[in-house]
Full PDB file with SEQRES, HELIX, SHEET, SSBOND, CRYST1, ORIGX, SCALE, CONECT and MASTER records, all heavy atoms in Angstrom:
SEQRES   1 A   32  VAL ALA GLU GLY PHE PRO LEU GLY ALA THR LYS THR ARG          
SEQRES   2 A   32  VAL GLU SER TYR ARG ARG ARG LEU GLU ARG PRO ALA ARG          
SEQRES   3 A   32  GLU GLN GLY SER ILE SER                                      
HELIX    1 AA1 VAL A   14  GLU A   22  1                                   9    
CRYST1    1.000    1.000    1.000  90.00  90.00  90.00 P 1           1          
ORIGX1      1.000000  0.000000  0.000000        0.00000                         
ORIGX2      0.000000  1.000000  0.000000        0.00000                         
ORIGX3      0.000000  0.000000  1.000000        0.00000                         
SCALE1      1.000000  0.000000  0.000000        0.00000                         
SCALE2      0.000000  1.000000  0.000000        0.00000                         
SCALE3      0.000000  0.000000  1.000000        0.00000                         
ATOM      1  N   VAL A   1       0.875  -1.168   0.000  1.00  0.00           N  
ATOM      2  CA  VAL A   1       0.001   0.004  -0.005  1.00  0.00           C  
ATOM      3  C   VAL A   1       0.926   1.219   0.010  1.00  0.00           C  
ATOM      4  O   VAL A   1       1.176   1.826   1.041  1.00  0.00           O  
ATOM      5  CB  VAL A   1      -0.957   0.003   1.197  1.00  0.00           C  
ATOM      6  CG1 VAL A   1      -1.935   1.149   1.090  1.00  0.00           C  
ATOM      7  CG2 VAL A   1      -1.677  -1.326   1.339  1.00  0.00           C  
ATOM      8  N   ALA A   2       1.421   1.537  -1.158  1.00  0.00           N  
ATOM      9  CA  ALA A   2       2.385   2.629  -1.313  1.00  0.00           C  
ATOM     10  C   ALA A   2       2.544   2.912  -2.795  1.00  0.00           C  
ATOM     11  O   ALA A   2       1.908   2.276  -3.649  1.00  0.00           O  
ATOM     12  CB  ALA A   2       3.744   2.208  -0.718  1.00  0.00           C  
ATOM     13  N   GLU A   3       3.401   3.878  -3.114  1.00  0.00           N  
ATOM     14  CA  GLU A   3       3.619   4.246  -4.500  1.00  0.00           C  
ATOM     15  C   GLU A   3       4.404   3.150  -5.201  1.00  0.00           C  
ATOM     16  O   GLU A   3       5.227   2.463  -4.592  1.00  0.00           O  
ATOM     17  CB  GLU A   3       4.352   5.579  -4.602  1.00  0.00           C  
ATOM     18  CG  GLU A   3       3.531   6.756  -4.130  1.00  0.00           C  
ATOM     19  CD  GLU A   3       2.309   6.976  -5.002  1.00  0.00           C  
ATOM     20  OE1 GLU A   3       2.391   6.831  -6.230  1.00  0.00           O  
ATOM     21  OE2 GLU A   3       1.243   7.257  -4.407  1.00  0.00           O  
ATOM     22  N   GLY A   4       4.203   2.986  -6.506  1.00  0.00           N  
ATOM     23  CA  GLY A   4       4.984   2.064  -7.312  1.00  0.00           C  
ATOM     24  C   GLY A   4       4.379   0.691  -7.444  1.00  0.00           C  
ATOM     25  O   GLY A   4       3.366   0.362  -6.740  1.00  0.00           O  
ATOM     26  N   PHE A   5       4.922  -0.121  -8.294  1.00  0.00           N  
ATOM     27  CA  PHE A   5       4.466  -1.464  -8.562  1.00  0.00           C  
ATOM     28  C   PHE A   5       5.480  -2.457  -7.980  1.00  0.00           C  
ATOM     29  O   PHE A   5       6.638  -2.450  -8.387  1.00  0.00           O  
ATOM     30  CB  PHE A   5       4.249  -1.703 -10.064  1.00  0.00           C  
ATOM     31  CG  PHE A   5       3.143  -0.890 -10.625  1.00  0.00           C  
ATOM     32  CD1 PHE A   5       3.346   0.387 -11.063  1.00  0.00           C  
ATOM     33  CD2 PHE A   5       1.862  -1.420 -10.689  1.00  0.00           C  
ATOM     34  CE1 PHE A   5       2.319   1.154 -11.593  1.00  0.00           C  
ATOM     35  CE2 PHE A   5       0.807  -0.655 -11.215  1.00  0.00           C  
ATOM     36  CZ  PHE A   5       1.040   0.644 -11.669  1.00  0.00           C  
ATOM     37  N   PRO A   6       5.073  -3.288  -7.047  1.00  0.00           N  
ATOM     38  CA  PRO A   6       6.058  -4.100  -6.272  1.00  0.00           C  
ATOM     39  C   PRO A   6       6.353  -5.452  -6.925  1.00  0.00           C  
ATOM     40  O   PRO A   6       5.459  -6.211  -7.276  1.00  0.00           O  
ATOM     41  CB  PRO A   6       5.360  -4.297  -4.933  1.00  0.00           C  
ATOM     42  CG  PRO A   6       3.907  -4.359  -5.310  1.00  0.00           C  
ATOM     43  CD  PRO A   6       3.718  -3.424  -6.481  1.00  0.00           C  
ATOM     44  N   LEU A   7       7.622  -5.785  -7.068  1.00  0.00           N  
ATOM     45  CA  LEU A   7       8.038  -7.107  -7.491  1.00  0.00           C  
ATOM     46  C   LEU A   7       7.622  -8.121  -6.445  1.00  0.00           C  
ATOM     47  O   LEU A   7       7.982  -7.969  -5.259  1.00  0.00           O  
ATOM     48  CB  LEU A   7       9.538  -7.185  -7.717  1.00  0.00           C  
ATOM     49  CG  LEU A   7      10.080  -6.559  -9.023  1.00  0.00           C  
ATOM     50  CD1 LEU A   7      11.570  -6.423  -8.927  1.00  0.00           C  
ATOM     51  CD2 LEU A   7       9.707  -7.435 -10.201  1.00  0.00           C  
ATOM     52  N   GLY A   8       6.900  -9.167  -6.810  1.00  0.00           N  
ATOM     53  CA  GLY A   8       6.578 -10.251  -5.888  1.00  0.00           C  
ATOM     54  C   GLY A   8       5.491  -9.982  -4.870  1.00  0.00           C  
ATOM     55  O   GLY A   8       5.304 -10.742  -3.952  1.00  0.00           O  
ATOM     56  N   ALA A   9       4.771  -8.859  -4.995  1.00  0.00           N  
ATOM     57  CA  ALA A   9       3.740  -8.539  -4.033  1.00  0.00           C  
ATOM     58  C   ALA A   9       2.475  -8.074  -4.780  1.00  0.00           C  
ATOM     59  O   ALA A   9       2.440  -7.998  -6.004  1.00  0.00           O  
ATOM     60  CB  ALA A   9       4.226  -7.455  -3.054  1.00  0.00           C  
ATOM     61  N   THR A  10       1.426  -7.728  -4.001  1.00  0.00           N  
ATOM     62  CA  THR A  10       0.194  -7.223  -4.562  1.00  0.00           C  
ATOM     63  C   THR A  10       0.170  -5.682  -4.452  1.00  0.00           C  
ATOM     64  O   THR A  10       0.346  -5.157  -3.369  1.00  0.00           O  
ATOM     65  CB  THR A  10      -1.029  -7.808  -3.837  1.00  0.00           C  
ATOM     66  OG1 THR A  10      -1.076  -9.215  -4.031  1.00  0.00           O  
ATOM     67  CG2 THR A  10      -2.326  -7.186  -4.348  1.00  0.00           C  
ATOM     68  N   LYS A  11      -0.065  -5.024  -5.542  1.00  0.00           N  
ATOM     69  CA  LYS A  11      -0.273  -3.598  -5.549  1.00  0.00           C  
ATOM     70  C   LYS A  11      -1.721  -3.327  -5.150  1.00  0.00           C  
ATOM     71  O   LYS A  11      -2.652  -3.676  -5.862  1.00  0.00           O  
ATOM     72  CB  LYS A  11       0.026  -3.018  -6.919  1.00  0.00           C  
ATOM     73  CG  LYS A  11      -0.423  -1.600  -7.133  1.00  0.00           C  
ATOM     74  CD  LYS A  11       0.372  -0.598  -6.317  1.00  0.00           C  
ATOM     75  CE  LYS A  11      -0.034   0.831  -6.666  1.00  0.00           C  
ATOM     76  NZ  LYS A  11       0.705   1.819  -5.882  1.00  0.00           N  
ATOM     77  N   THR A  12      -1.900  -2.704  -3.974  1.00  0.00           N  
ATOM     78  CA  THR A  12      -3.246  -2.514  -3.430  1.00  0.00           C  
ATOM     79  C   THR A  12      -3.491  -1.055  -3.104  1.00  0.00           C  
ATOM     80  O   THR A  12      -2.591  -0.357  -2.627  1.00  0.00           O  
ATOM     81  CB  THR A  12      -3.427  -3.359  -2.161  1.00  0.00           C  
ATOM     82  OG1 THR A  12      -3.068  -4.715  -2.431  1.00  0.00           O  
ATOM     83  CG2 THR A  12      -4.881  -3.336  -1.697  1.00  0.00           C  
ATOM     84  N   ARG A  13      -4.679  -0.636  -3.331  1.00  0.00           N  
ATOM     85  CA  ARG A  13      -5.134   0.697  -2.925  1.00  0.00           C  
ATOM     86  C   ARG A  13      -6.311   0.559  -1.981  1.00  0.00           C  
ATOM     87  O   ARG A  13      -7.011  -0.453  -1.986  1.00  0.00           O  
ATOM     88  CB  ARG A  13      -5.525   1.547  -4.147  1.00  0.00           C  
ATOM     89  CG  ARG A  13      -4.388   1.883  -5.069  1.00  0.00           C  
ATOM     90  CD  ARG A  13      -4.901   2.840  -6.177  1.00  0.00           C  
ATOM     91  NE  ARG A  13      -3.837   3.237  -7.075  1.00  0.00           N  
ATOM     92  CZ  ARG A  13      -3.500   2.592  -8.174  1.00  0.00           C  
ATOM     93  NH1 ARG A  13      -4.152   1.474  -8.509  1.00  0.00           N  
ATOM     94  NH2 ARG A  13      -2.519   3.033  -8.947  1.00  0.00           N  
ATOM     95  N   VAL A  14      -6.558   1.603  -1.224  1.00  0.00           N  
ATOM     96  CA  VAL A  14      -7.727   1.586  -0.323  1.00  0.00           C  
ATOM     97  C   VAL A  14      -9.010   1.344  -1.112  1.00  0.00           C  
ATOM     98  O   VAL A  14      -9.915   0.636  -0.663  1.00  0.00           O  
ATOM     99  CB  VAL A  14      -7.810   2.922   0.461  1.00  0.00           C  
ATOM    100  CG1 VAL A  14      -9.141   2.997   1.253  1.00  0.00           C  
ATOM    101  CG2 VAL A  14      -6.619   3.091   1.382  1.00  0.00           C  
ATOM    102  N   GLU A  15      -9.099   1.912  -2.321  1.00  0.00           N  
ATOM    103  CA  GLU A  15     -10.313   1.723  -3.123  1.00  0.00           C  
ATOM    104  C   GLU A  15     -10.563   0.275  -3.435  1.00  0.00           C  
ATOM    105  O   GLU A  15     -11.722  -0.191  -3.499  1.00  0.00           O  
ATOM    106  CB  GLU A  15     -10.186   2.524  -4.414  1.00  0.00           C  
ATOM    107  CG  GLU A  15     -10.175   4.056  -4.242  1.00  0.00           C  
ATOM    108  CD  GLU A  15      -8.834   4.586  -3.784  1.00  0.00           C  
ATOM    109  OE1 GLU A  15      -7.840   3.798  -3.854  1.00  0.00           O  
ATOM    110  OE2 GLU A  15      -8.768   5.734  -3.331  1.00  0.00           O  
ATOM    111  N   SER A  16      -9.487  -0.513  -3.629  1.00  0.00           N  
ATOM    112  CA  SER A  16      -9.663  -1.931  -3.886  1.00  0.00           C  
ATOM    113  C   SER A  16     -10.223  -2.665  -2.692  1.00  0.00           C  
ATOM    114  O   SER A  16     -11.069  -3.563  -2.832  1.00  0.00           O  
ATOM    115  CB  SER A  16      -8.304  -2.558  -4.311  1.00  0.00           C  
ATOM    116  OG  SER A  16      -7.859  -1.994  -5.498  1.00  0.00           O  
ATOM    117  N   TYR A  17      -9.751  -2.293  -1.517  1.00  0.00           N  
ATOM    118  CA  TYR A  17     -10.301  -2.910  -0.285  1.00  0.00           C  
ATOM    119  C   TYR A  17     -11.781  -2.610  -0.160  1.00  0.00           C  
ATOM    120  O   TYR A  17     -12.611  -3.452   0.143  1.00  0.00           O  
ATOM    121  CB  TYR A  17      -9.566  -2.372   0.928  1.00  0.00           C  
ATOM    122  CG  TYR A  17      -8.190  -2.968   1.118  1.00  0.00           C  
ATOM    123  CD1 TYR A  17      -7.081  -2.134   1.381  1.00  0.00           C  
ATOM    124  CD2 TYR A  17      -8.015  -4.339   1.133  1.00  0.00           C  
ATOM    125  CE1 TYR A  17      -5.839  -2.693   1.616  1.00  0.00           C  
ATOM    126  CE2 TYR A  17      -6.743  -4.878   1.360  1.00  0.00           C  
ATOM    127  CZ  TYR A  17      -5.664  -4.049   1.611  1.00  0.00           C  
ATOM    128  OH  TYR A  17      -4.430  -4.599   1.837  1.00  0.00           O  
ATOM    129  N   ARG A  18     -12.131  -1.314  -0.358  1.00  0.00           N  
ATOM    130  CA  ARG A  18     -13.562  -0.943  -0.185  1.00  0.00           C  
ATOM    131  C   ARG A  18     -14.435  -1.604  -1.220  1.00  0.00           C  
ATOM    132  O   ARG A  18     -15.575  -1.962  -0.911  1.00  0.00           O  
ATOM    133  CB  ARG A  18     -13.688   0.579  -0.265  1.00  0.00           C  
ATOM    134  CG  ARG A  18     -13.085   1.318   0.958  1.00  0.00           C  
ATOM    135  CD  ARG A  18     -13.364   2.812   0.864  1.00  0.00           C  
ATOM    136  NE  ARG A  18     -12.892   3.508   2.026  1.00  0.00           N  
ATOM    137  CZ  ARG A  18     -13.586   3.652   3.175  1.00  0.00           C  
ATOM    138  NH1 ARG A  18     -14.810   3.099   3.236  1.00  0.00           N  
ATOM    139  NH2 ARG A  18     -13.076   4.276   4.183  1.00  0.00           N  
ATOM    140  N   ARG A  19     -13.917  -1.760  -2.432  1.00  0.00           N  
ATOM    141  CA  ARG A  19     -14.735  -2.343  -3.490  1.00  0.00           C  
ATOM    142  C   ARG A  19     -15.062  -3.813  -3.126  1.00  0.00           C  
ATOM    143  O   ARG A  19     -16.091  -4.329  -3.522  1.00  0.00           O  
ATOM    144  CB  ARG A  19     -13.967  -2.269  -4.805  1.00  0.00           C  
ATOM    145  CG  ARG A  19     -14.856  -2.495  -6.010  1.00  0.00           C  
ATOM    146  CD  ARG A  19     -14.073  -2.207  -7.290  1.00  0.00           C  
ATOM    147  NE  ARG A  19     -13.718  -0.820  -7.426  1.00  0.00           N  
ATOM    148  CZ  ARG A  19     -12.561  -0.365  -7.912  1.00  0.00           C  
ATOM    149  NH1 ARG A  19     -11.670  -1.204  -8.336  1.00  0.00           N  
ATOM    150  NH2 ARG A  19     -12.372   0.929  -8.004  1.00  0.00           N  
ATOM    151  N   ARG A  20     -14.174  -4.441  -2.392  1.00  0.00           N  
ATOM    152  CA  ARG A  20     -14.417  -5.848  -1.938  1.00  0.00           C  
ATOM    153  C   ARG A  20     -15.743  -5.926  -1.176  1.00  0.00           C  
ATOM    154  O   ARG A  20     -16.497  -6.857  -1.321  1.00  0.00           O  
ATOM    155  CB  ARG A  20     -13.274  -6.303  -1.042  1.00  0.00           C  
ATOM    156  CG  ARG A  20     -13.458  -7.661  -0.425  1.00  0.00           C  
ATOM    157  CD  ARG A  20     -12.515  -7.867   0.776  1.00  0.00           C  
ATOM    158  NE  ARG A  20     -11.141  -7.702   0.412  1.00  0.00           N  
ATOM    159  CZ  ARG A  20     -10.151  -7.758   1.324  1.00  0.00           C  
ATOM    160  NH1 ARG A  20     -10.414  -7.942   2.582  1.00  0.00           N  
ATOM    161  NH2 ARG A  20      -8.894  -7.609   0.946  1.00  0.00           N  
ATOM    162  N   LEU A  21     -16.014  -4.899  -0.359  1.00  0.00           N  
ATOM    163  CA  LEU A  21     -17.238  -4.927   0.457  1.00  0.00           C  
ATOM    164  C   LEU A  21     -18.480  -4.643  -0.369  1.00  0.00           C  
ATOM    165  O   LEU A  21     -19.601  -4.982   0.048  1.00  0.00           O  
ATOM    166  CB  LEU A  21     -17.133  -3.838   1.560  1.00  0.00           C  
ATOM    167  CG  LEU A  21     -15.913  -4.010   2.506  1.00  0.00           C  
ATOM    168  CD1 LEU A  21     -15.891  -2.806   3.456  1.00  0.00           C  
ATOM    169  CD2 LEU A  21     -15.969  -5.311   3.251  1.00  0.00           C  
ATOM    170  N   GLU A  22     -18.297  -4.033  -1.532  1.00  0.00           N  
ATOM    171  CA  GLU A  22     -19.446  -3.637  -2.361  1.00  0.00           C  
ATOM    172  C   GLU A  22     -19.807  -4.708  -3.390  1.00  0.00           C  
ATOM    173  O   GLU A  22     -20.738  -4.526  -4.151  1.00  0.00           O  
ATOM    174  CB  GLU A  22     -19.098  -2.333  -3.095  1.00  0.00           C  
ATOM    175  CG  GLU A  22     -18.843  -1.162  -2.143  1.00  0.00           C  
ATOM    176  CD  GLU A  22     -18.196   0.020  -2.845  1.00  0.00           C  
ATOM    177  OE1 GLU A  22     -17.952  -0.075  -4.085  1.00  0.00           O  
ATOM    178  OE2 GLU A  22     -17.905   1.015  -2.174  1.00  0.00           O  
ATOM    179  N   ARG A  23     -19.035  -5.827  -3.394  1.00  0.00           N  
ATOM    180  CA  ARG A  23     -19.321  -6.867  -4.376  1.00  0.00           C  
ATOM    181  C   ARG A  23     -20.731  -7.394  -4.160  1.00  0.00           C  
ATOM    182  O   ARG A  23     -21.087  -7.862  -3.092  1.00  0.00           O  
ATOM    183  CB  ARG A  23     -18.306  -8.008  -4.241  1.00  0.00           C  
ATOM    184  CG  ARG A  23     -18.348  -8.958  -5.449  1.00  0.00           C  
ATOM    185  CD  ARG A  23     -17.284 -10.041  -5.315  1.00  0.00           C  
ATOM    186  NE  ARG A  23     -17.215 -10.824  -6.546  1.00  0.00           N  
ATOM    187  CZ  ARG A  23     -16.534 -11.947  -6.665  1.00  0.00           C  
ATOM    188  NH1 ARG A  23     -15.869 -12.432  -5.626  1.00  0.00           N  
ATOM    189  NH2 ARG A  23     -16.501 -12.624  -7.796  1.00  0.00           N  
ATOM    190  N   PRO A  24     -21.601  -7.307  -5.191  1.00  0.00           N  
ATOM    191  CA  PRO A  24     -23.029  -7.667  -4.987  1.00  0.00           C  
ATOM    192  C   PRO A  24     -23.210  -9.180  -4.839  1.00  0.00           C  
ATOM    193  O   PRO A  24     -22.341  -9.984  -5.288  1.00  0.00           O  
ATOM    194  CB  PRO A  24     -23.675  -7.141  -6.254  1.00  0.00           C  
ATOM    195  CG  PRO A  24     -22.595  -7.162  -7.283  1.00  0.00           C  
ATOM    196  CD  PRO A  24     -21.325  -6.850  -6.559  1.00  0.00           C  
ATOM    197  N   ALA A  25     -24.306  -9.561  -4.268  1.00  0.00           N  
ATOM    198  CA  ALA A  25     -24.669 -10.971  -4.204  1.00  0.00           C  
ATOM    199  C   ALA A  25     -24.930 -11.470  -5.612  1.00  0.00           C  
ATOM    200  O   ALA A  25     -25.436 -10.751  -6.487  1.00  0.00           O  
ATOM    201  CB  ALA A  25     -25.906 -11.173  -3.354  1.00  0.00           C  
ATOM    202  N   ARG A  26     -24.563 -12.711  -5.851  1.00  0.00           N  
ATOM    203  CA  ARG A  26     -24.727 -13.294  -7.185  1.00  0.00           C  
ATOM    204  C   ARG A  26     -26.130 -13.878  -7.337  1.00  0.00           C  
ATOM    205  O   ARG A  26     -26.645 -14.489  -6.444  1.00  0.00           O  
ATOM    206  CB  ARG A  26     -23.696 -14.385  -7.425  1.00  0.00           C  
ATOM    207  CG  ARG A  26     -22.250 -13.932  -7.285  1.00  0.00           C  
ATOM    208  CD  ARG A  26     -21.310 -15.093  -7.487  1.00  0.00           C  
ATOM    209  NE  ARG A  26     -21.608 -15.780  -8.725  1.00  0.00           N  
ATOM    210  CZ  ARG A  26     -21.170 -15.418  -9.901  1.00  0.00           C  
ATOM    211  NH1 ARG A  26     -20.352 -14.383  -9.976  1.00  0.00           N  
ATOM    212  NH2 ARG A  26     -21.485 -16.093 -11.001  1.00  0.00           N  
ATOM    213  N   GLU A  27     -26.710 -13.676  -8.502  1.00  0.00           N  
ATOM    214  CA  GLU A  27     -28.003 -14.230  -8.787  1.00  0.00           C  
ATOM    215  C   GLU A  27     -27.898 -15.583  -9.452  1.00  0.00           C  
ATOM    216  O   GLU A  27     -28.801 -16.423  -9.319  1.00  0.00           O  
ATOM    217  CB  GLU A  27     -28.830 -13.267  -9.647  1.00  0.00           C  
ATOM    218  CG  GLU A  27     -29.121 -11.937  -8.932  1.00  0.00           C  
ATOM    219  CD  GLU A  27     -29.971 -11.016  -9.770  1.00  0.00           C  
ATOM    220  OE1 GLU A  27     -30.336 -11.415 -10.907  1.00  0.00           O  
ATOM    221  OE2 GLU A  27     -30.264  -9.904  -9.341  1.00  0.00           O  
ATOM    222  N   GLN A  28     -26.854 -15.817 -10.210  1.00  0.00           N  
ATOM    223  CA  GLN A  28     -26.697 -17.064 -10.911  1.00  0.00           C  
ATOM    224  C   GLN A  28     -25.721 -17.966 -10.185  1.00  0.00           C  
ATOM    225  O   GLN A  28     -24.907 -17.508  -9.414  1.00  0.00           O  
ATOM    226  CB  GLN A  28     -26.232 -16.861 -12.350  1.00  0.00           C  
ATOM    227  CG  GLN A  28     -24.737 -16.540 -12.521  1.00  0.00           C  
ATOM    228  CD  GLN A  28     -24.425 -15.064 -12.358  1.00  0.00           C  
ATOM    229  OE1 GLN A  28     -25.200 -14.363 -11.756  1.00  0.00           O  
ATOM    230  NE2 GLN A  28     -23.278 -14.695 -12.812  1.00  0.00           N  
ATOM    231  N   GLY A  29     -25.819 -19.272 -10.416  1.00  0.00           N  
ATOM    232  CA  GLY A  29     -24.945 -20.216  -9.768  1.00  0.00           C  
ATOM    233  C   GLY A  29     -23.662 -20.458 -10.540  1.00  0.00           C  
ATOM    234  O   GLY A  29     -22.724 -21.041 -10.006  1.00  0.00           O  
ATOM    235  N   SER A  30     -23.590 -20.043 -11.783  1.00  0.00           N  
ATOM    236  CA  SER A  30     -22.417 -20.343 -12.609  1.00  0.00           C  
ATOM    237  C   SER A  30     -21.402 -19.217 -12.548  1.00  0.00           C  
ATOM    238  O   SER A  30     -21.700 -18.071 -12.218  1.00  0.00           O  
ATOM    239  CB  SER A  30     -22.831 -20.596 -14.067  1.00  0.00           C  
ATOM    240  OG  SER A  30     -23.412 -19.411 -14.620  1.00  0.00           O  
ATOM    241  N   ILE A  31     -20.155 -19.569 -12.896  1.00  0.00           N  
ATOM    242  CA  ILE A  31     -19.080 -18.615 -12.973  1.00  0.00           C  
ATOM    243  C   ILE A  31     -18.845 -18.290 -14.437  1.00  0.00           C  
ATOM    244  O   ILE A  31     -18.649 -19.199 -15.264  1.00  0.00           O  
ATOM    245  CB  ILE A  31     -17.792 -19.194 -12.356  1.00  0.00           C  
ATOM    246  CG1 ILE A  31     -18.003 -19.610 -10.903  1.00  0.00           C  
ATOM    247  CG2 ILE A  31     -16.626 -18.200 -12.476  1.00  0.00           C  
ATOM    248  CD1 ILE A  31     -18.255 -18.434  -9.985  1.00  0.00           C  
ATOM    249  N   SER A  32     -18.883 -17.019 -14.803  1.00  0.00           N  
ATOM    250  CA  SER A  32     -18.693 -16.656 -16.207  1.00  0.00           C  
ATOM    251  C   SER A  32     -17.200 -16.301 -16.443  1.00  0.00           C  
ATOM    252  O   SER A  32     -16.580 -15.536 -15.736  1.00  0.00           O  
ATOM    253  CB  SER A  32     -19.558 -15.460 -16.576  1.00  0.00           C  
ATOM    254  OG  SER A  32     -19.282 -14.350 -15.715  1.00  0.00           O  
TER     255      SER A  32                                                      
MASTER        0    0    0    1    0    0    0    6  254    1    0    3          
END                                                                             
């Protein structure tokens, strides 16, 4: 959680964390 793109790690922003909580419930059982 910092500037730049990290070798061997995940580049994460606060927005990505928050978006995780907003993921809607799925209506279909299949994975597209």
